Protein backbone atom coordinates (compact mmCIF):
# COMPACT_ATOMS: atom_id res chain seq x y z
CA MET A 1 2.22 -7.92 -7.71
CA LEU A 2 2.61 -6.26 -4.51
CA LEU A 3 0.38 -3.20 -3.53
CA LEU A 4 1.54 -0.47 -1.06
CA ILE A 5 -0.59 1.93 0.55
CA ASP A 6 0.27 5.00 2.74
CA ALA A 7 -2.60 6.91 4.00
CA GLY A 8 -1.63 10.01 5.00
CA ASN A 9 -3.15 13.21 6.88
CA SER A 10 -3.81 14.96 3.32
CA ARG A 11 -3.37 12.26 0.45
CA VAL A 12 -3.19 8.33 0.28
CA LYS A 13 -0.33 7.21 -1.93
CA TRP A 14 0.00 3.78 -3.53
CA ALA A 15 2.63 2.13 -5.56
CA LEU A 16 2.60 -1.15 -7.43
CA ALA A 17 6.04 -2.99 -7.29
CA ASN A 18 6.85 -6.32 -8.57
CA ASP A 19 7.95 -9.42 -6.56
CA ALA A 20 11.66 -9.14 -7.75
CA ALA A 21 11.71 -4.98 -8.06
CA PRO A 22 14.75 -3.61 -5.94
CA LEU A 23 13.55 -1.41 -2.82
CA GLY A 24 11.54 1.67 -3.87
CA GLN A 25 11.33 1.01 -7.63
CA TRP A 26 7.98 0.85 -8.84
CA SER A 27 5.85 -0.35 -11.67
CA ALA A 28 3.47 2.37 -10.89
CA SER A 29 2.51 5.19 -8.18
CA GLY A 30 0.30 7.73 -7.27
CA ALA A 31 -1.97 9.54 -5.01
CA VAL A 32 -5.32 10.87 -4.26
CA THR A 33 -6.82 12.96 -2.13
CA HIS A 34 -9.20 11.66 0.77
CA ALA A 35 -12.35 13.11 -1.41
CA GLU A 36 -10.95 11.05 -4.31
CA LEU A 37 -10.63 7.87 -2.28
CA GLU A 38 -13.25 5.80 -4.01
CA SER A 39 -11.28 6.38 -7.36
CA LEU A 40 -8.32 4.05 -5.96
CA PRO A 41 -9.19 0.74 -6.94
CA THR A 42 -9.52 1.84 -10.80
CA HIS A 43 -5.17 2.19 -10.73
CA TRP A 44 -5.16 -1.51 -10.26
CA LEU A 45 -8.14 -2.73 -12.28
CA GLY A 46 -7.21 -6.11 -13.72
CA LEU A 47 -3.97 -6.99 -11.89
CA GLU A 48 -3.24 -9.98 -10.19
CA ILE A 49 -2.50 -8.28 -6.31
CA LYS A 50 -0.84 -11.35 -4.57
CA ARG A 51 -0.09 -9.04 -1.33
CA THR A 52 -1.28 -5.57 -0.12
CA LEU A 53 0.60 -3.94 2.61
CA ALA A 54 -0.74 -0.67 3.89
CA CYS A 55 -0.18 2.07 6.84
CA ASN A 56 -2.45 4.79 8.36
CA VAL A 57 -2.09 7.88 10.12
CA ALA A 58 -5.44 9.28 8.85
CA GLY A 59 -7.78 7.83 11.92
CA PRO A 60 -9.84 4.91 12.09
CA GLN A 61 -12.40 5.93 9.79
CA MET A 62 -9.92 6.13 6.84
CA ARG A 63 -8.92 2.85 7.70
CA ALA A 64 -12.30 1.35 7.61
CA ARG A 65 -13.08 3.27 4.16
CA LEU A 66 -9.71 1.52 2.80
CA ASP A 67 -10.55 -1.60 4.27
CA ALA A 68 -13.70 -1.85 2.15
CA LEU A 69 -11.64 -0.79 -1.15
CA LEU A 70 -8.43 -2.86 -0.77
CA PRO A 71 -7.99 -6.21 -1.98
CA SER A 72 -9.04 -9.12 0.73
CA GLY A 73 -6.22 -9.85 3.03
CA ALA A 74 -4.97 -6.38 3.16
CA ALA A 75 -2.15 -6.50 6.10
CA TRP A 76 -1.70 -3.17 8.27
CA LEU A 77 1.84 -2.19 9.23
CA GLU A 78 2.17 -1.21 13.02
CA SER A 79 4.89 0.31 14.90
CA LYS A 80 6.66 -2.69 17.26
CA PRO A 81 9.62 -2.76 19.35
CA GLU A 82 11.61 -4.41 16.60
CA LEU A 83 11.20 -5.45 12.79
CA LYS A 84 13.46 -6.58 10.06
CA GLY A 85 16.40 -6.06 12.73
CA MET A 86 15.57 -2.55 13.32
CA ARG A 87 14.94 -1.96 16.90
CA ASN A 88 12.23 0.98 17.85
CA LEU A 89 13.94 2.77 20.76
CA TYR A 90 10.77 5.27 21.48
CA ARG A 91 9.91 4.77 25.30
CA ASN A 92 6.67 3.36 24.13
CA PRO A 93 7.32 1.68 20.93
CA ALA A 94 3.68 1.75 19.85
CA GLN A 95 3.19 5.34 20.30
CA LEU A 96 5.73 5.95 17.04
CA GLY A 97 3.73 7.24 14.21
CA VAL A 98 3.66 4.31 11.82
CA ASP A 99 4.64 6.47 9.01
CA ARG A 100 7.97 7.43 10.96
CA PHE A 101 8.41 3.69 11.58
CA ALA A 102 8.14 2.72 7.89
CA ALA A 103 10.32 5.64 6.94
CA ALA A 104 12.97 4.66 9.27
CA LEU A 105 13.00 1.10 7.95
CA ALA A 106 13.73 2.82 4.73
CA ALA A 107 16.37 4.82 5.85
CA ARG A 108 18.09 1.97 7.58
CA THR A 109 18.61 -0.16 4.32
CA LEU A 110 19.27 3.13 2.03
CA ALA A 111 21.95 4.33 4.63
CA SER A 112 23.94 0.99 4.71
CA GLY A 113 24.98 1.41 8.07
CA LYS A 114 25.67 4.99 8.19
CA PRO A 115 24.14 7.32 10.94
CA ALA A 116 21.14 8.73 9.40
CA ILE A 117 18.56 11.58 9.71
CA VAL A 118 15.22 10.90 7.70
CA ALA A 119 13.21 14.37 7.29
CA MET A 120 9.55 13.88 6.11
CA CYS A 121 8.00 17.15 5.11
CA GLY A 122 4.28 17.05 4.80
CA THR A 123 1.29 18.11 6.99
CA ALA A 124 3.85 18.09 9.76
CA THR A 125 7.61 17.73 9.39
CA THR A 126 9.49 14.92 11.18
CA VAL A 127 12.93 14.61 11.70
CA ASP A 128 14.11 11.48 12.69
CA ALA A 129 17.40 9.65 13.76
CA ILE A 130 18.71 6.23 12.83
CA THR A 131 21.70 5.00 14.33
CA SER A 132 24.66 3.17 12.32
CA GLN A 133 23.40 0.19 13.96
CA GLY A 134 20.21 0.71 11.98
CA ASP A 135 18.13 1.42 15.20
CA PHE A 136 15.30 4.08 15.22
CA ALA A 137 16.89 6.50 18.28
CA GLY A 138 13.98 9.14 18.22
CA GLY A 139 13.45 12.35 16.67
CA MET A 140 11.21 15.25 16.35
CA ILE A 141 8.06 16.75 15.01
CA LEU A 142 7.19 20.55 14.05
CA PRO A 143 4.24 22.22 12.19
CA GLY A 144 4.71 21.72 8.07
CA LEU A 145 5.23 24.66 5.86
CA ALA A 146 1.43 25.34 5.27
CA LEU A 147 0.62 24.80 9.19
CA MET A 148 3.24 27.59 10.14
CA ALA A 149 1.98 30.10 7.36
CA ASN A 150 -1.65 29.44 8.50
CA ALA A 151 -1.00 29.65 11.90
CA LEU A 152 0.56 33.22 11.30
CA ALA A 153 -2.30 34.30 9.21
CA ARG A 154 -5.14 33.34 11.29
CA ASN A 155 -3.27 34.58 14.44
CA THR A 156 -2.12 38.16 13.67
CA ALA A 157 -4.19 41.10 12.72
CA GLN A 158 -1.87 42.15 9.71
CA LEU A 159 0.24 39.27 8.31
CA PRO A 160 -1.28 38.18 5.02
CA GLN A 161 -1.70 34.36 4.12
CA VAL A 162 1.15 33.11 1.95
CA GLU A 163 2.02 30.01 -0.33
CA PRO A 164 5.18 27.96 -0.22
CA ARG A 165 7.62 28.86 -2.85
CA GLU A 166 11.45 29.25 -3.55
CA LEU A 167 13.46 30.79 -0.55
CA PRO A 168 13.96 34.47 -1.11
CA GLY A 169 17.74 35.56 -1.23
CA GLY A 170 19.22 37.34 1.98
CA PHE A 171 17.03 39.39 4.36
CA ALA A 172 13.14 39.82 2.69
CA ASP A 173 12.14 43.62 2.06
CA ASN A 174 8.75 42.72 2.18
CA THR A 175 6.03 40.69 4.41
CA ASP A 176 5.22 37.97 2.13
CA ASP A 177 8.80 37.10 1.31
CA ALA A 178 9.75 37.67 5.03
CA ILE A 179 7.25 35.18 5.86
CA VAL A 180 8.39 32.76 3.44
CA SER A 181 11.81 33.00 4.36
CA GLY A 182 10.96 32.46 7.96
CA ILE A 183 9.15 29.37 7.67
CA LEU A 184 11.52 27.85 5.36
CA SER A 185 14.34 28.83 7.42
CA ALA A 186 12.99 27.18 10.44
CA GLN A 187 12.45 23.85 8.55
CA ALA A 188 15.88 24.13 7.50
CA GLY A 189 17.25 25.08 10.79
CA ALA A 190 15.53 22.05 13.01
CA ILE A 191 16.96 19.50 10.10
CA GLU A 192 20.39 20.82 10.09
CA ARG A 193 20.23 20.92 13.99
CA ALA A 194 19.30 17.24 13.71
CA VAL A 195 21.97 16.40 11.54
CA ALA A 196 24.52 18.03 13.38
CA LEU A 197 23.20 16.37 16.76
CA HIS A 198 23.07 13.10 15.63
CA LYS A 199 26.38 13.25 13.63
CA ALA A 200 24.67 12.19 10.38
CA GLU A 201 26.47 10.89 7.45
CA VAL A 202 23.33 10.70 5.67
CA LEU A 203 20.16 13.06 5.13
CA PHE A 204 17.20 11.76 3.47
CA LEU A 205 14.62 14.29 2.56
CA SER A 206 11.01 13.15 1.50
CA GLY A 207 7.42 14.52 1.36
CA GLY A 208 4.95 17.01 -0.61
CA ALA A 209 7.02 19.75 0.87
CA ALA A 210 10.41 18.98 0.19
CA PRO A 211 11.24 20.57 -2.93
CA TRP A 212 10.40 23.81 -1.11
CA VAL A 213 12.57 22.98 1.62
CA ALA A 214 15.49 21.26 -0.12
CA PRO A 215 16.85 24.62 -1.54
CA ALA A 216 17.00 26.06 2.04
CA LEU A 217 19.35 23.17 2.99
CA ARG A 218 22.90 23.90 3.43
CA VAL A 219 23.71 20.37 4.28
CA PRO A 220 24.09 17.51 1.68
CA PHE A 221 21.00 15.39 1.22
CA GLN A 222 19.33 12.99 -1.08
CA LEU A 223 15.72 13.36 -2.35
CA VAL A 224 13.61 10.57 -2.03
CA ASP A 225 10.11 10.46 -3.58
CA ASN A 226 8.16 8.75 -0.80
CA MET A 227 9.97 7.32 2.22
CA VAL A 228 6.86 5.64 3.62
CA LEU A 229 6.09 3.68 0.35
CA ALA A 230 9.81 2.81 0.48
CA GLY A 231 9.58 1.43 4.17
CA LEU A 232 6.44 -0.69 3.30
CA HIS A 233 8.46 -2.01 0.72
CA ALA A 234 11.49 -3.12 2.87
CA ALA A 235 8.89 -4.45 5.48
CA ALA A 236 7.18 -6.69 2.82
CA LEU A 237 10.29 -8.00 0.85
C-alpha cells in the first residue's frame, strides 16, 4: 500500500493507493486540520504501508510533527530541476513550491501532450502552465477567495466580511453580492487570462475553493479532486 501526504496551509490531505492503482485512484482518502493532526495515523491503522511519499508547504514545524506520525522511512518530495521527464523551468527550480511542482507532475500526465493550465484554489490561488512537451513553464500566484474577502473586511471601514458562495448573476445590487462577485470574477479572470496566454488546450481546476470558482469560469475545465496528491502518485509510480 502506498501512502501519500499533502501538508497544506490549512489542512493535511492523505490518500492510500494500491500498488497497481491508476493515477489518482485511491482506496481511501481524507483530510484533517492542523489541530487534528495527531488523529492522522488512525486512518491507516493496521494496514501494511510499503511506501510513504509526502510534501509540505506548511513550514518546518509541520514537517517535524508529520515525521513523528508517519511510518518510518517516509520520503519527502522536493522541487527539482527535472523529475519523471518534466523539466522545471523556474529560474531557481528549488524555489518553486513543492505543491505546485507536484500538481504540474499530475497535469503533465493527465494532459497527454497538450498545453495545459492547472489552477489550484486554496489559501492562495496558483495558476501554472505546462507545455505540450510536458515541462513546467511558470505561473501566477494570487490571494485565494478567503484572503481576498478578509482583506476587504479588515482594511476598509464599511465593507462587511463575506463567505464565498455561488456567483451572483449580473451586476450585484447589494454590497455582499458585489464583494462575492468581485472576488470570484478576479479568480476566474486570472485563470482565463492564463489559458489565453498559454493557448492551453486543457484546464485543470483543483483545491478547496474550486467548487466556488468553477461556475464563474467561461472556459472548459476538468475538476480534479486533489492535484497535489495525484502528483505525488505520479512521482511514486
